[in-house]
Amino acid sequence: MKKSLLIIFLMCTQLFSKIEYDLDYKLVSDGEKIGTMKVIGINNQNIHTYTTHVNMKFKYLFTSYTYIYKEIAKLKDGKILSLDIYEDDDGKILETKASRKKNQLLYENGKSVNLDEVDYLPFDIRAVKLNKPLEDKNFKLITFDPQTTHKVFEQYTLSKKTSESVSYEVLVNDEVETQTFNQKNILTYAKNKFFETILLNASK
């Protein structure tokens, strides 16, 4: 009986769930693949769950280095509900949890983010943050680092726009990045001083 109820519950959950995107990226440094990133966005009865999973392995100063990062953020009506982060930095494990209370994202370690002071939440891989200033060639946005809670100041400069994509040079806390989005506002390419992020597929 319990098993049957569980099966019915799972079927109903899948019925109301909608996969907004399921994306696979490769991470490349100096022409060599150093890892992968998988990003999934699911809408279940207006509860949006964004999952990011990064897996990296490369050699640094003649030694192998591994890095695993998993982030699960739940949002409703554009507001964060909860955040879970797991990080394995070459064997050093760090787990972080946070939840929203009014206009604050409160972390278990005592840190917090004032959500009124940021322009967008850094969990959706799509360029929803660019919808409002899309017609501007230069604009600034403020977000935050989900792990450290530090503010991230971004300055966007339009570098190329075609019928298929739009690219920006982005100054992020004094570091320059390149970001390219397709017609569906999906990030297809990004490059910083460490590595490139390249979209392999876009099932949604």
Protein backbone atom coordinates (compact mmCIF):
# COMPACT_ATOMS: atom_id res chain seq x y z
CA MET A 1 0.00 0.00 0.00
CA LYS A 2 2.76 2.44 0.99
CA LYS A 3 4.68 1.54 -2.16
CA SER A 4 1.61 2.23 -4.33
CA LEU A 5 1.07 5.62 -2.68
CA LEU A 6 4.73 6.46 -3.24
CA ILE A 7 4.47 5.57 -6.94
CA ILE A 8 1.33 7.73 -7.30
CA PHE A 9 3.07 10.62 -5.53
CA LEU A 10 6.09 10.37 -7.83
CA MET A 11 3.85 10.23 -10.91
CA CYS A 12 1.96 13.35 -9.79
CA THR A 13 5.21 15.16 -9.04
CA GLN A 14 6.51 14.40 -12.54
CA LEU A 15 3.15 15.45 -14.02
CA PHE A 16 3.43 18.95 -12.56
CA SER A 17 7.17 19.30 -13.10
CA LYS A 18 8.50 21.03 -16.18
CA ILE A 19 12.13 20.94 -17.21
CA GLU A 20 13.00 24.48 -18.29
CA TYR A 21 16.48 23.48 -19.41
CA ASP A 22 19.01 20.66 -19.07
CA LEU A 23 22.42 21.91 -20.20
CA ASP A 24 25.86 20.33 -20.46
CA TYR A 25 29.05 22.40 -20.69
CA LYS A 26 32.70 21.56 -21.02
CA LEU A 27 35.38 23.55 -19.22
CA VAL A 28 38.56 24.20 -21.20
CA SER A 29 41.90 25.70 -20.22
CA ASP A 30 44.77 26.25 -22.69
CA GLY A 31 42.95 24.12 -25.25
CA GLU A 32 42.51 21.14 -22.92
CA LYS A 33 39.32 19.91 -21.29
CA ILE A 34 39.61 20.21 -17.52
CA GLY A 35 36.06 19.46 -16.47
CA THR A 36 32.32 19.58 -17.02
CA MET A 37 29.37 21.58 -15.77
CA LYS A 38 25.74 20.46 -15.80
CA VAL A 39 22.93 22.95 -15.17
CA ILE A 40 19.28 21.98 -14.73
CA GLY A 41 16.26 24.22 -14.25
CA ILE A 42 12.95 22.65 -13.14
CA ASN A 43 9.60 24.31 -12.50
CA ASN A 44 7.32 22.34 -10.20
CA GLN A 45 4.08 24.22 -9.50
CA ASN A 46 5.90 27.55 -9.53
CA ILE A 47 8.75 26.29 -7.35
CA HIS A 48 11.86 26.76 -9.50
CA THR A 49 14.82 24.53 -8.67
CA TYR A 50 18.19 25.41 -10.22
CA THR A 51 20.93 22.80 -9.89
CA THR A 52 24.54 23.38 -10.92
CA HIS A 53 27.11 20.57 -10.80
CA VAL A 54 30.76 21.28 -11.62
CA ASN A 55 33.39 18.53 -11.83
CA MET A 56 37.00 19.51 -12.56
CA LYS A 57 40.25 17.55 -12.68
CA PHE A 58 43.57 18.88 -13.93
CA LYS A 59 47.26 19.05 -13.16
CA TYR A 60 48.68 22.04 -11.32
CA LEU A 61 52.41 22.32 -10.60
CA PHE A 62 52.91 18.64 -11.50
CA THR A 63 50.20 17.45 -9.09
CA SER A 64 46.63 16.38 -9.84
CA TYR A 65 43.88 18.63 -8.56
CA THR A 66 40.18 17.81 -8.31
CA TYR A 67 37.26 20.11 -7.63
CA ILE A 68 33.58 19.24 -7.22
CA TYR A 69 30.84 21.79 -6.69
CA LYS A 70 27.09 21.24 -6.40
CA GLU A 71 24.57 24.01 -5.82
CA ILE A 72 20.79 23.65 -5.43
CA ALA A 73 18.71 26.82 -5.21
CA LYS A 74 14.92 26.91 -4.83
CA LEU A 75 12.97 30.03 -5.83
CA LYS A 76 9.32 31.06 -5.91
CA ASP A 77 7.96 34.18 -7.61
CA GLY A 78 11.54 35.32 -8.21
CA LYS A 79 12.45 35.07 -4.50
CA ILE A 80 14.96 32.65 -3.03
CA LEU A 81 13.54 30.02 -0.67
CA SER A 82 16.60 27.95 0.14
CA LEU A 83 20.17 27.29 -0.96
CA ASP A 84 22.31 24.18 -0.51
CA ILE A 85 25.98 24.06 -1.55
CA TYR A 86 28.43 21.16 -1.46
CA GLU A 87 32.09 21.75 -2.32
CA ASP A 88 34.99 19.31 -2.46
CA ASP A 89 38.13 21.38 -2.99
CA ASP A 90 40.71 18.63 -3.58
CA GLY A 91 39.56 16.76 -0.48
CA LYS A 92 38.59 19.77 1.61
CA ILE A 93 34.84 19.46 2.12
CA LEU A 94 32.59 22.45 2.72
CA GLU A 95 28.80 22.33 2.99
CA THR A 96 26.69 25.48 3.10
CA LYS A 97 22.97 25.96 3.69
CA ALA A 98 20.90 29.13 3.65
CA SER A 99 17.25 30.17 3.69
CA ARG A 100 15.38 33.43 3.22
CA LYS A 101 13.78 35.39 6.04
CA LYS A 102 12.04 38.54 4.81
CA ASN A 103 14.67 40.41 2.76
CA GLN A 104 17.65 38.46 4.12
CA LEU A 105 19.27 35.26 2.91
CA LEU A 106 20.51 33.75 6.18
CA TYR A 107 23.35 31.20 6.22
CA GLU A 108 23.87 28.56 8.90
CA ASN A 109 27.38 29.89 9.51
CA GLY A 110 26.00 33.28 10.53
CA LYS A 111 26.63 35.13 7.25
CA SER A 112 23.80 36.87 5.42
CA VAL A 113 22.90 38.69 2.20
CA ASN A 114 20.60 41.70 2.07
CA LEU A 115 18.54 40.81 -0.99
CA ASP A 116 17.34 44.40 -1.38
CA GLU A 117 20.91 45.39 -2.27
CA VAL A 118 21.30 43.07 -5.29
CA ASP A 119 19.80 43.36 -8.78
CA TYR A 120 19.43 39.65 -9.48
CA LEU A 121 19.96 36.19 -8.00
CA PRO A 122 22.97 34.30 -9.44
CA PHE A 123 21.32 30.90 -9.93
CA ASP A 124 19.57 30.95 -13.31
CA ILE A 125 21.99 30.31 -16.20
CA ARG A 126 19.70 32.26 -18.52
CA ALA A 127 20.14 35.94 -19.24
CA VAL A 128 16.95 36.93 -17.43
CA LYS A 129 19.08 39.53 -15.66
CA LEU A 130 19.62 41.24 -19.04
CA ASN A 131 15.97 41.54 -20.06
CA LYS A 132 15.53 45.03 -18.68
CA PRO A 133 18.78 46.68 -19.88
CA LEU A 134 19.04 44.59 -23.07
CA GLU A 135 18.74 47.62 -25.32
CA ASP A 136 21.59 49.40 -23.53
CA LYS A 137 25.15 48.94 -24.73
CA ASN A 138 26.55 49.66 -21.27
CA PHE A 139 24.98 48.92 -17.89
CA LYS A 140 25.85 47.79 -14.37
CA LEU A 141 24.38 45.09 -12.16
CA ILE A 142 25.00 43.86 -8.61
CA THR A 143 24.68 40.24 -7.48
CA PHE A 144 26.49 38.11 -4.88
CA ASP A 145 28.73 35.07 -4.52
CA PRO A 146 26.56 32.20 -3.16
CA GLN A 147 29.47 30.75 -1.16
CA THR A 148 31.16 33.79 0.36
CA THR A 149 28.06 36.08 0.32
CA HIS A 150 30.32 38.88 -1.00
CA LYS A 151 28.76 41.33 -3.41
CA VAL A 152 29.72 40.99 -7.07
CA PHE A 153 29.78 44.20 -9.12
CA GLU A 154 29.33 43.70 -12.86
CA GLN A 155 29.73 46.18 -15.68
CA TYR A 156 28.42 45.02 -19.07
CA THR A 157 29.57 46.34 -22.43
CA LEU A 158 27.91 45.05 -25.59
CA SER A 159 30.62 43.65 -27.88
CA LYS A 160 28.63 41.83 -30.59
CA LYS A 161 24.99 41.34 -31.50
CA THR A 162 23.60 39.15 -34.28
CA SER A 163 20.25 37.56 -35.08
CA GLU A 164 21.41 34.42 -33.24
CA SER A 165 23.35 35.68 -30.23
CA VAL A 166 24.52 38.59 -28.13
CA SER A 167 27.94 38.94 -26.50
CA TYR A 168 29.17 41.13 -23.68
CA GLU A 169 32.50 42.04 -22.17
CA VAL A 170 31.83 41.93 -18.45
CA LEU A 171 33.99 43.57 -15.82
CA VAL A 172 33.45 41.47 -12.70
CA ASN A 173 35.12 42.90 -9.59
CA ASP A 174 38.02 44.20 -11.73
CA GLU A 175 38.32 40.95 -13.72
CA VAL A 176 37.21 40.85 -17.39
CA GLU A 177 34.98 38.06 -18.67
CA THR A 178 33.28 37.31 -22.00
CA GLN A 179 29.68 36.08 -21.99
CA THR A 180 27.58 35.02 -25.00
CA PHE A 181 23.85 34.20 -24.93
CA ASN A 182 21.68 32.67 -27.66
CA GLN A 183 18.15 33.64 -28.77
CA LYS A 184 16.66 31.74 -25.82
CA ASN A 185 18.83 33.75 -23.41
CA ILE A 186 20.89 30.63 -22.62
CA LEU A 187 24.57 31.11 -21.83
CA THR A 188 26.45 29.41 -24.67
CA TYR A 189 29.99 30.61 -23.98
CA ALA A 190 31.96 32.30 -21.23
CA LYS A 191 35.64 33.00 -20.78
CA ASN A 192 37.63 34.34 -17.85
CA LYS A 193 41.36 34.32 -17.10
CA PHE A 194 41.21 30.73 -15.83
CA PHE A 195 39.08 28.75 -18.30
CA GLU A 196 36.38 28.74 -20.98
CA THR A 197 32.84 27.44 -20.49
CA ILE A 198 31.38 25.99 -23.71
CA LEU A 199 27.80 24.75 -24.18
CA LEU A 200 27.61 21.24 -25.63
CA ASN A 201 23.85 20.77 -25.85
CA ALA A 202 20.61 22.56 -25.18
CA SER A 203 17.77 20.07 -24.80
CA LYS A 204 15.38 22.81 -23.76
